């Protein structure tokens, strides 16, 4: 299935910021308006909205938002103030 232009942009941004592919894919399918309660609890308006699976792991204390970010192209650290 071909991605829409806006979905392509979200994929490129996600990769630029080092977000996991599963999180990028789920965001493209759900968008901002369809976040699960777990996603709402963990993203804390820091830009990165993890997928449902990773949100659950964060809430269980098995990982953090910062730990999920790999191969970041952006030179700014994530996040500037990390309390997750």
N, C-alpha and C. Protein backbone atom coordinates (compact mmCIF):
# COMPACT_ATOMS: atom_id res chain seq x y z
N UNK A 1 0.84 -1.19 0.00
CA UNK A 1 0.00 0.00 0.00
C UNK A 1 0.88 1.25 0.00
N UNK A 2 0.56 2.18 -0.84
CA UNK A 2 1.34 3.42 -0.98
C UNK A 2 0.98 4.40 0.14
N UNK A 3 2.00 5.04 0.70
CA UNK A 3 1.79 6.01 1.77
C UNK A 3 1.35 7.35 1.18
N UNK A 4 0.49 8.05 1.92
CA UNK A 4 0.09 9.39 1.52
C UNK A 4 1.28 10.34 1.73
N UNK A 5 1.19 11.52 1.16
CA UNK A 5 2.27 12.50 1.29
C UNK A 5 2.50 12.86 2.76
N UNK A 6 1.43 13.08 3.52
CA UNK A 6 1.59 13.44 4.93
C UNK A 6 2.17 12.27 5.73
N UNK A 7 1.78 11.05 5.40
CA UNK A 7 2.32 9.88 6.09
C UNK A 7 3.82 9.75 5.79
N UNK A 8 4.20 10.00 4.56
CA UNK A 8 5.62 9.95 4.18
C UNK A 8 6.42 10.96 5.01
N UNK A 9 5.87 12.13 5.22
CA UNK A 9 6.54 13.16 6.01
C UNK A 9 6.70 12.69 7.46
N UNK A 10 5.65 12.08 8.03
CA UNK A 10 5.74 11.59 9.41
C UNK A 10 6.80 10.50 9.54
N UNK A 11 6.88 9.63 8.53
CA UNK A 11 7.90 8.56 8.54
C UNK A 11 9.30 9.18 8.53
N UNK A 12 9.51 10.15 7.68
CA UNK A 12 10.83 10.79 7.60
C UNK A 12 11.19 11.51 8.89
N UNK A 13 10.23 12.22 9.48
CA UNK A 13 10.49 12.87 10.77
C UNK A 13 10.80 11.85 11.84
N UNK A 14 10.03 10.78 11.89
CA UNK A 14 10.26 9.73 12.89
C UNK A 14 11.65 9.15 12.78
N UNK A 15 12.09 8.89 11.57
CA UNK A 15 13.44 8.35 11.36
C UNK A 15 14.51 9.38 11.72
N UNK A 16 14.27 10.63 11.37
CA UNK A 16 15.21 11.71 11.69
C UNK A 16 15.43 11.80 13.20
N UNK A 17 14.34 11.63 13.96
CA UNK A 17 14.44 11.73 15.41
C UNK A 17 14.77 10.40 16.09
N UNK A 18 14.93 9.34 15.31
CA UNK A 18 15.38 8.06 15.84
C UNK A 18 14.31 7.21 16.49
N UNK A 19 13.05 7.45 16.17
CA UNK A 19 11.96 6.69 16.78
C UNK A 19 11.89 5.29 16.17
N UNK A 20 11.47 4.29 16.94
CA UNK A 20 11.34 2.93 16.41
C UNK A 20 10.31 2.86 15.27
N UNK A 21 10.58 2.00 14.31
CA UNK A 21 9.68 1.86 13.15
C UNK A 21 8.25 1.51 13.57
N UNK A 22 8.10 0.64 14.59
CA UNK A 22 6.76 0.25 15.02
C UNK A 22 5.99 1.46 15.56
N UNK A 23 6.68 2.35 16.24
CA UNK A 23 6.05 3.55 16.78
C UNK A 23 5.66 4.52 15.65
N UNK A 24 6.53 4.64 14.66
CA UNK A 24 6.24 5.49 13.50
C UNK A 24 5.03 4.95 12.76
N UNK A 25 5.02 3.64 12.51
CA UNK A 25 3.90 3.02 11.77
C UNK A 25 2.58 3.21 12.49
N UNK A 26 2.59 2.97 13.80
CA UNK A 26 1.34 3.11 14.55
C UNK A 26 0.87 4.55 14.58
N UNK A 27 1.81 5.50 14.70
CA UNK A 27 1.43 6.91 14.68
C UNK A 27 0.79 7.27 13.34
N UNK A 28 1.36 6.77 12.25
CA UNK A 28 0.80 7.06 10.93
C UNK A 28 -0.62 6.52 10.79
N UNK A 29 -0.90 5.41 11.42
CA UNK A 29 -2.24 4.81 11.36
C UNK A 29 -3.23 5.52 12.28
N UNK A 30 -2.76 5.93 13.46
CA UNK A 30 -3.65 6.51 14.48
C UNK A 30 -3.70 8.03 14.45
N UNK A 31 -2.56 8.68 14.32
CA UNK A 31 -2.50 10.13 14.39
C UNK A 31 -2.60 10.63 15.82
N UNK A 32 -2.68 11.94 15.97
CA UNK A 32 -2.74 12.58 17.29
C UNK A 32 -4.07 12.35 17.98
N UNK A 33 -5.13 12.24 17.22
CA UNK A 33 -6.47 12.21 17.79
C UNK A 33 -6.95 10.86 18.28
N UNK A 34 -6.16 9.81 18.07
CA UNK A 34 -6.59 8.48 18.45
C UNK A 34 -5.59 7.80 19.38
N UNK A 35 -5.00 8.54 20.28
CA UNK A 35 -4.04 7.95 21.20
C UNK A 35 -4.76 7.10 22.24
N UNK A 36 -4.13 5.99 22.60
CA UNK A 36 -4.67 5.15 23.66
C UNK A 36 -4.42 5.83 25.00
N UNK A 37 -5.11 5.41 26.05
CA UNK A 37 -4.82 5.98 27.37
C UNK A 37 -3.35 5.79 27.78
N UNK A 38 -2.76 4.64 27.46
CA UNK A 38 -1.35 4.41 27.79
C UNK A 38 -0.45 5.38 27.05
N UNK A 39 -0.71 5.60 25.77
CA UNK A 39 0.10 6.54 24.99
C UNK A 39 -0.02 7.95 25.55
N UNK A 40 -1.20 8.34 25.92
CA UNK A 40 -1.42 9.67 26.49
C UNK A 40 -0.64 9.83 27.78
N UNK A 41 -0.60 8.79 28.61
CA UNK A 41 0.11 8.86 29.89
C UNK A 41 1.62 8.98 29.72
N UNK A 42 2.20 8.37 28.69
CA UNK A 42 3.66 8.34 28.61
C UNK A 42 4.29 9.41 27.72
N UNK A 43 3.59 9.93 26.75
CA UNK A 43 4.28 10.84 25.83
C UNK A 43 4.52 12.21 26.43
N UNK A 44 3.70 12.68 27.33
CA UNK A 44 3.90 13.92 28.08
C UNK A 44 4.30 15.10 27.21
N UNK A 45 3.77 15.17 26.01
CA UNK A 45 3.97 16.30 25.11
C UNK A 45 5.45 16.56 24.81
N UNK A 46 6.25 15.50 24.73
CA UNK A 46 7.68 15.64 24.43
C UNK A 46 7.97 15.37 22.97
N UNK A 47 6.96 15.16 22.16
CA UNK A 47 7.16 14.97 20.73
C UNK A 47 7.09 13.54 20.28
N UNK A 48 7.59 12.62 21.07
CA UNK A 48 7.62 11.20 20.71
C UNK A 48 6.42 10.48 21.32
N UNK A 49 5.59 9.92 20.45
CA UNK A 49 4.44 9.14 20.91
C UNK A 49 4.73 7.67 20.61
N UNK A 50 5.07 6.89 21.64
CA UNK A 50 5.40 5.49 21.40
C UNK A 50 4.16 4.69 21.04
N UNK A 51 4.38 3.56 20.38
CA UNK A 51 3.27 2.66 20.04
C UNK A 51 2.68 2.08 21.33
N UNK A 52 1.56 1.42 21.20
CA UNK A 52 0.89 0.83 22.36
C UNK A 52 1.81 -0.14 23.10
N UNK A 53 2.51 -0.99 22.36
CA UNK A 53 3.41 -1.96 22.98
C UNK A 53 4.48 -1.27 23.81
N UNK A 54 5.15 -0.29 23.23
CA UNK A 54 6.20 0.41 23.96
C UNK A 54 5.64 1.25 25.10
N UNK A 55 4.44 1.81 24.93
CA UNK A 55 3.80 2.56 26.02
C UNK A 55 3.58 1.66 27.22
N UNK A 56 3.14 0.44 26.97
CA UNK A 56 2.92 -0.53 28.04
C UNK A 56 4.23 -0.86 28.75
N UNK A 57 5.30 -1.07 27.98
CA UNK A 57 6.61 -1.37 28.58
C UNK A 57 7.10 -0.21 29.45
N UNK A 58 6.87 1.02 29.00
CA UNK A 58 7.26 2.20 29.77
C UNK A 58 6.49 2.24 31.08
N UNK A 59 5.20 2.01 31.02
CA UNK A 59 4.38 2.05 32.24
C UNK A 59 4.75 0.93 33.22
N UNK A 60 5.25 -0.17 32.71
CA UNK A 60 5.72 -1.26 33.57
C UNK A 60 7.13 -1.01 34.11
N UNK A 61 7.78 0.06 33.63
CA UNK A 61 9.13 0.38 34.07
C UNK A 61 10.20 -0.45 33.39
N UNK A 62 9.87 -1.08 32.27
CA UNK A 62 10.82 -1.93 31.55
C UNK A 62 11.65 -1.18 30.52
N UNK A 63 11.28 0.04 30.19
CA UNK A 63 12.04 0.89 29.28
C UNK A 63 11.62 2.34 29.52
N UNK A 64 12.26 3.27 28.82
CA UNK A 64 11.90 4.69 28.89
C UNK A 64 11.77 5.23 27.46
N UNK A 65 11.18 6.39 27.35
CA UNK A 65 11.11 7.04 26.03
C UNK A 65 12.53 7.19 25.46
N UNK A 66 13.43 7.67 26.27
CA UNK A 66 14.80 7.92 25.82
C UNK A 66 15.49 6.64 25.36
N UNK A 67 15.26 5.53 26.07
CA UNK A 67 15.88 4.26 25.71
C UNK A 67 15.41 3.73 24.35
N UNK A 68 14.24 4.12 23.92
CA UNK A 68 13.68 3.62 22.66
C UNK A 68 14.28 4.31 21.44
N UNK A 69 14.88 5.47 21.65
CA UNK A 69 15.39 6.25 20.52
C UNK A 69 16.78 5.76 20.13
N UNK A 70 16.89 5.34 18.88
CA UNK A 70 18.15 4.81 18.35
C UNK A 70 18.44 5.47 16.99
N UNK A 71 19.69 5.53 16.62
CA UNK A 71 20.10 6.05 15.30
C UNK A 71 19.55 7.43 15.01
N UNK A 72 19.53 8.28 16.00
CA UNK A 72 19.00 9.64 15.86
C UNK A 72 19.91 10.46 14.94
N UNK A 73 19.33 11.08 13.94
CA UNK A 73 20.06 11.96 13.03
C UNK A 73 20.12 13.37 13.61
N UNK A 74 19.02 13.80 14.21
CA UNK A 74 18.93 15.12 14.84
C UNK A 74 20.01 15.24 15.90
N UNK A 75 20.70 16.36 15.92
CA UNK A 75 21.81 16.58 16.85
C UNK A 75 21.36 16.98 18.26
N UNK A 76 20.13 17.47 18.40
CA UNK A 76 19.63 17.84 19.72
C UNK A 76 19.31 16.58 20.52
N UNK A 77 19.64 16.59 21.81
CA UNK A 77 19.32 15.43 22.63
C UNK A 77 17.81 15.31 22.86
N UNK A 78 17.38 14.11 23.18
CA UNK A 78 15.97 13.90 23.50
C UNK A 78 15.87 13.49 24.94
N UNK A 79 14.88 13.98 25.61
CA UNK A 79 14.42 15.36 25.55
C UNK A 79 15.37 16.23 26.35
N UNK A 80 15.16 17.51 26.31
CA UNK A 80 16.06 18.39 27.05
C UNK A 80 15.89 18.17 28.55
N UNK A 81 14.67 17.87 28.97
CA UNK A 81 14.40 17.55 30.36
C UNK A 81 13.67 16.21 30.39
N UNK A 82 14.35 15.18 30.76
CA UNK A 82 13.78 13.83 30.73
C UNK A 82 13.35 13.39 32.11
N UNK A 83 12.05 13.23 32.30
CA UNK A 83 11.56 12.73 33.58
C UNK A 83 10.75 11.45 33.39
N UNK A 84 10.89 10.81 32.26
CA UNK A 84 10.18 9.54 32.01
C UNK A 84 11.14 8.40 32.20
